PDB file of N, CA and C in Angstrom:
ATOM      1  N   MET A   1      99.177  69.681 125.343  1.00  0.00           N
ATOM      2  CA  MET A   1      99.081  71.130 125.483  1.00  0.00           C
ATOM      3  C   MET A   1     100.227  71.816 124.730  1.00  0.00           C
ATOM      4  N   ASN A   2     101.409  71.260 124.833  1.00  0.00           N
ATOM      5  CA  ASN A   2     102.567  71.863 124.187  1.00  0.00           C
ATOM      6  C   ASN A   2     102.448  71.789 122.667  1.00  0.00           C
ATOM      7  N   SER A   3     101.941  70.659 122.159  1.00  0.00           N
ATOM      8  CA  SER A   3     101.822  70.504 120.710  1.00  0.00           C
ATOM      9  C   SER A   3     100.803  71.485 120.141  1.00  0.00           C
ATOM     10  N   VAL A   4      99.758  71.770 120.886  1.00  0.00           N
ATOM     11  CA  VAL A   4      98.758  72.741 120.437  1.00  0.00           C
ATOM     12  C   VAL A   4      99.403  74.117 120.313  1.00  0.00           C
ATOM     13  N   PHE A   5     100.192  74.487 121.297  1.00  0.00           N
ATOM     14  CA  PHE A   5     100.877  75.777 121.271  1.00  0.00           C
ATOM     15  C   PHE A   5     101.840  75.847 120.081  1.00  0.00           C
ATOM     16  N   THR A   6     102.533  74.737 119.825  1.00  0.00           N
ATOM     17  CA  THR A   6     103.472  74.697 118.703  1.00  0.00           C
ATOM     18  C   THR A   6     102.729  74.881 117.387  1.00  0.00           C
ATOM     19  N   LYS A   7     101.577  74.220 117.249  1.00  0.00           N
ATOM     20  CA  LYS A   7     100.787  74.351 116.022  1.00  0.00           C
ATOM     21  C   LYS A   7     100.329  75.789 115.827  1.00  0.00           C
ATOM     22  N   VAL A   8      99.868  76.400 116.904  1.00  0.00           N
ATOM     23  CA  VAL A   8      99.386  77.775 116.810  1.00  0.00           C
ATOM     24  C   VAL A   8     100.522  78.714 116.415  1.00  0.00           C
ATOM     25  N   SER A   9     101.688  78.548 117.028  1.00  0.00           N
ATOM     26  CA  SER A   9     102.811  79.425 116.705  1.00  0.00           C
ATOM     27  C   SER A   9     103.282  79.193 115.270  1.00  0.00           C
ATOM     28  N   ASN A  10     103.238  77.937 114.801  1.00  0.00           N
ATOM     29  CA  ASN A  10     103.605  77.658 113.415  1.00  0.00           C
ATOM     30  C   ASN A  10     102.626  78.316 112.459  1.00  0.00           C
ATOM     31  N   LEU A  11     101.348  78.250 112.777  1.00  0.00           N
ATOM     32  CA  LEU A  11     100.346  78.891 111.934  1.00  0.00           C
ATOM     33  C   LEU A  11     100.581  80.397 111.880  1.00  0.00           C
ATOM     34  N   ARG A  12     100.871  80.980 113.027  1.00  0.00           N
ATOM     35  CA  ARG A  12     101.097  82.419 113.085  1.00  0.00           C
ATOM     36  C   ARG A  12     102.326  82.790 112.253  1.00  0.00           C
ATOM     37  N   MET A  13     103.388  82.004 112.353  1.00  0.00           N
ATOM     38  CA  MET A  13     104.601  82.287 111.578  1.00  0.00           C
ATOM     39  C   MET A  13     104.323  82.160 110.088  1.00  0.00           C
ATOM     40  N   ASN A  14     103.564  81.142 109.698  1.00  0.00           N
ATOM     41  CA  ASN A  14     103.240  80.972 108.284  1.00  0.00           C
ATOM     42  C   ASN A  14     102.452  82.168 107.767  1.00  0.00           C
ATOM     43  N   ARG A  15     101.536  82.654 108.601  1.00  0.00           N
ATOM     44  CA  ARG A  15     100.721  83.790 108.205  1.00  0.00           C
ATOM     45  C   ARG A  15     101.590  85.035 108.058  1.00  0.00           C
ATOM     46  N   ILE A  16     102.472  85.255 109.013  1.00  0.00           N
ATOM     47  CA  ILE A  16     103.342  86.430 108.966  1.00  0.00           C
ATOM     48  C   ILE A  16     104.270  86.363 107.758  1.00  0.00           C
ATOM     49  N   SER A  17     104.818  85.188 107.499  1.00  0.00           N
ATOM     50  CA  SER A  17     105.734  85.076 106.368  1.00  0.00           C
ATOM     51  C   SER A  17     104.983  85.261 105.052  1.00  0.00           C
ATOM     52  N   LYS A  18     103.737  84.762 104.977  1.00  0.00           N
ATOM     53  CA  LYS A  18     102.946  84.971 103.765  1.00  0.00           C
ATOM     54  C   LYS A  18     102.678  86.447 103.550  1.00  0.00           C
ATOM     55  N   ILE A  19     102.340  87.148 104.620  1.00  0.00           N
ATOM     56  CA  ILE A  19     102.072  88.586 104.527  1.00  0.00           C
ATOM     57  C   ILE A  19     103.341  89.318 104.103  1.00  0.00           C
ATOM     58  N   ALA A  20     104.481  88.918 104.681  1.00  0.00           N
ATOM     59  CA  ALA A  20     105.749  89.567 104.347  1.00  0.00           C
ATOM     60  C   ALA A  20     106.104  89.332 102.884  1.00  0.00           C
ATOM     61  N   ILE A  21     105.914  88.112 102.419  1.00  0.00           N
ATOM     62  CA  ILE A  21     106.221  87.794 101.018  1.00  0.00           C
ATOM     63  C   ILE A  21     105.304  88.578 100.090  1.00  0.00           C
ATOM     64  N   THR A  22     104.027  88.654 100.448  1.00  0.00           N
ATOM     65  CA  THR A  22     103.067  89.390  99.621  1.00  0.00           C
ATOM     66  C   THR A  22     103.427  90.865  99.564  1.00  0.00           C
ATOM     67  N   LEU A  23     103.749  91.444 100.723  1.00  0.00           N
ATOM     68  CA  LEU A  23     104.128  92.860 100.763  1.00  0.00           C
ATOM     69  C   LEU A  23     105.388  93.103  99.934  1.00  0.00           C
ATOM     70  N   GLY A  24     106.372  92.219 100.096  1.00  0.00           N
ATOM     71  CA  GLY A  24     107.623  92.392  99.370  1.00  0.00           C
ATOM     72  C   GLY A  24     107.433  92.298  97.875  1.00  0.00           C
ATOM     73  N   SER A  25     106.675  91.306  97.439  1.00  0.00           N
ATOM     74  CA  SER A  25     106.486  91.133  95.996  1.00  0.00           C
ATOM     75  C   SER A  25     105.657  92.264  95.409  1.00  0.00           C
ATOM     76  N   SER A  26     104.632  92.714  96.138  1.00  0.00           N
ATOM     77  CA  SER A  26     103.813  93.802  95.615  1.00  0.00           C
ATOM     78  C   SER A  26     104.612  95.102  95.577  1.00  0.00           C
ATOM     79  N   THR A  27     105.463  95.311  96.575  1.00  0.00           N
ATOM     80  CA  THR A  27     106.302  96.506  96.574  1.00  0.00           C
ATOM     81  C   THR A  27     107.266  96.477  95.398  1.00  0.00           C
ATOM     82  N   PHE A  28     107.865  95.312  95.150  1.00  0.00           N
ATOM     83  CA  PHE A  28     108.771  95.181  94.014  1.00  0.00           C
ATOM     84  C   PHE A  28     108.034  95.393  92.699  1.00  0.00           C
ATOM     85  N   PHE A  29     106.808  94.848  92.614  1.00  0.00           N
ATOM     86  CA  PHE A  29     106.003  94.991  91.398  1.00  0.00           C
ATOM     87  C   PHE A  29     105.677  96.461  91.145  1.00  0.00           C
ATOM     88  N   LEU A  30     105.275  97.177  92.205  1.00  0.00           N
ATOM     89  CA  LEU A  30     104.965  98.599  92.058  1.00  0.00           C
ATOM     90  C   LEU A  30     106.215  99.390  91.677  1.00  0.00           C
ATOM     91  N   TYR A  31     107.358  99.002  92.249  1.00  0.00           N
ATOM     92  CA  TYR A  31     108.615  99.674  91.903  1.00  0.00           C
ATOM     93  C   TYR A  31     108.954  99.447  90.425  1.00  0.00           C
ATOM     94  N   ALA A  32     108.774  98.213  89.955  1.00  0.00           N
ATOM     95  CA  ALA A  32     109.050  97.905  88.553  1.00  0.00           C
ATOM     96  C   ALA A  32     108.092  98.670  87.644  1.00  0.00           C
ATOM     97  N   LEU A  33     106.827  98.774  88.072  1.00  0.00           N
ATOM     98  CA  LEU A  33     105.864  99.543  87.286  1.00  0.00           C
ATOM     99  C   LEU A  33     106.282 101.006  87.221  1.00  0.00           C
ATOM    100  N   GLY A  34     106.742 101.536  88.336  1.00  0.00           N
ATOM    101  CA  GLY A  34     107.167 102.925  88.378  1.00  0.00           C
ATOM    102  C   GLY A  34     108.375 103.191  87.504  1.00  0.00           C
ATOM    103  N   GLN A  35     109.207 102.174  87.276  1.00  0.00           N
ATOM    104  CA  GLN A  35     110.401 102.359  86.466  1.00  0.00           C
ATOM    105  C   GLN A  35     110.082 102.434  84.983  1.00  0.00           C
ATOM    106  N   SER A  36     109.013 101.771  84.550  1.00  0.00           N
ATOM    107  CA  SER A  36     108.709 101.778  83.124  1.00  0.00           C
ATOM    108  C   SER A  36     107.868 103.007  82.779  1.00  0.00           C
ATOM    109  N   PRO A  37     108.278 103.802  81.806  1.00  0.00           N
ATOM    110  CA  PRO A  37     107.594 105.069  81.513  1.00  0.00           C
ATOM    111  C   PRO A  37     106.177 104.886  80.997  1.00  0.00           C
ATOM    112  N   ILE A  38     105.893 103.762  80.312  1.00  0.00           N
ATOM    113  CA  ILE A  38     104.548 103.547  79.763  1.00  0.00           C
ATOM    114  C   ILE A  38     103.536 103.454  80.898  1.00  0.00           C
ATOM    115  N   PHE A  39     103.846 102.618  81.890  1.00  0.00           N
ATOM    116  CA  PHE A  39     102.926 102.455  83.005  1.00  0.00           C
ATOM    117  C   PHE A  39     102.859 103.722  83.848  1.00  0.00           C
ATOM    118  N   LYS A  40     103.974 104.448  83.890  1.00  0.00           N
ATOM    119  CA  LYS A  40     103.979 105.703  84.638  1.00  0.00           C
ATOM    120  C   LYS A  40     102.985 106.674  84.017  1.00  0.00           C
ATOM    121  N   ASN A  41     102.972 106.753  82.692  1.00  0.00           N
ATOM    122  CA  ASN A  41     102.020 107.627  82.004  1.00  0.00           C
ATOM    123  C   ASN A  41     100.587 107.169  82.238  1.00  0.00           C
ATOM    124  N   ILE A  42     100.360 105.856  82.219  1.00  0.00           N
ATOM    125  CA  ILE A  42      99.015 105.330  82.471  1.00  0.00           C
ATOM    126  C   ILE A  42      98.555 105.692  83.870  1.00  0.00           C
ATOM    127  N   LEU A  43      99.465 105.500  84.858  1.00  0.00           N
ATOM    128  CA  LEU A  43      99.109 105.821  86.242  1.00  0.00           C
ATOM    129  C   LEU A  43      98.845 107.305  86.424  1.00  0.00           C
ATOM    130  N   VAL A  44      99.672 108.126  85.796  1.00  0.00           N
ATOM    131  CA  VAL A  44      99.459 109.578  85.894  1.00  0.00           C
ATOM    132  C   VAL A  44      98.121 109.941  85.271  1.00  0.00           C
ATOM    133  N   GLY A  45      97.803 109.327  84.147  1.00  0.00           N
ATOM    134  CA  GLY A  45      96.520 109.596  83.496  1.00  0.00           C
ATOM    135  C   GLY A  45      95.350 109.110  84.323  1.00  0.00           C
ATOM    136  N   ALA A  46      95.532 107.980  85.009  1.00  0.00           N
ATOM    137  CA  ALA A  46      94.445 107.418  85.802  1.00  0.00           C
ATOM    138  C   ALA A  46      94.181 108.263  87.039  1.00  0.00           C
ATOM    139  N   PHE A  47      95.248 108.798  87.650  1.00  0.00           N
ATOM    140  CA  PHE A  47      95.085 109.517  88.902  1.00  0.00           C
ATOM    141  C   PHE A  47      95.039 111.040  88.745  1.00  0.00           C
ATOM    142  N   SER A  48      95.130 111.510  87.498  1.00  0.00           N
ATOM    143  CA  SER A  48      95.060 112.962  87.321  1.00  0.00           C
ATOM    144  C   SER A  48      93.611 113.421  87.497  1.00  0.00           C
ATOM    145  N   CYS A  49      93.445 114.619  88.035  1.00  0.00           N
ATOM    146  CA  CYS A  49      92.110 115.092  88.371  1.00  0.00           C
ATOM    147  C   CYS A  49      91.490 115.922  87.265  1.00  0.00           C
ATOM    148  N   SER A  50      92.148 116.005  86.112  1.00  0.00           N
ATOM    149  CA  SER A  50      91.575 116.795  85.016  1.00  0.00           C
ATOM    150  C   SER A  50      90.438 116.000  84.385  1.00  0.00           C
ATOM    151  N   GLY A  51      89.215 116.539  84.497  1.00  0.00           N
ATOM    152  CA  GLY A  51      88.040 115.824  84.046  1.00  0.00           C
ATOM    153  C   GLY A  51      88.034 115.680  82.557  1.00  0.00           C
TER     154      GLY A  51
END
């Protein structure tokens, strides 16, 4: 019974850490994109509402 609980908690921790790593890397990637003016212009052009 104890080993099952340990496995479940390990799985949950792995999932949380994967989510945290994914969020962190994507946030850093978006920040890096925002710093470069070329991508900033592309994003502004993509999200601008002028038809």
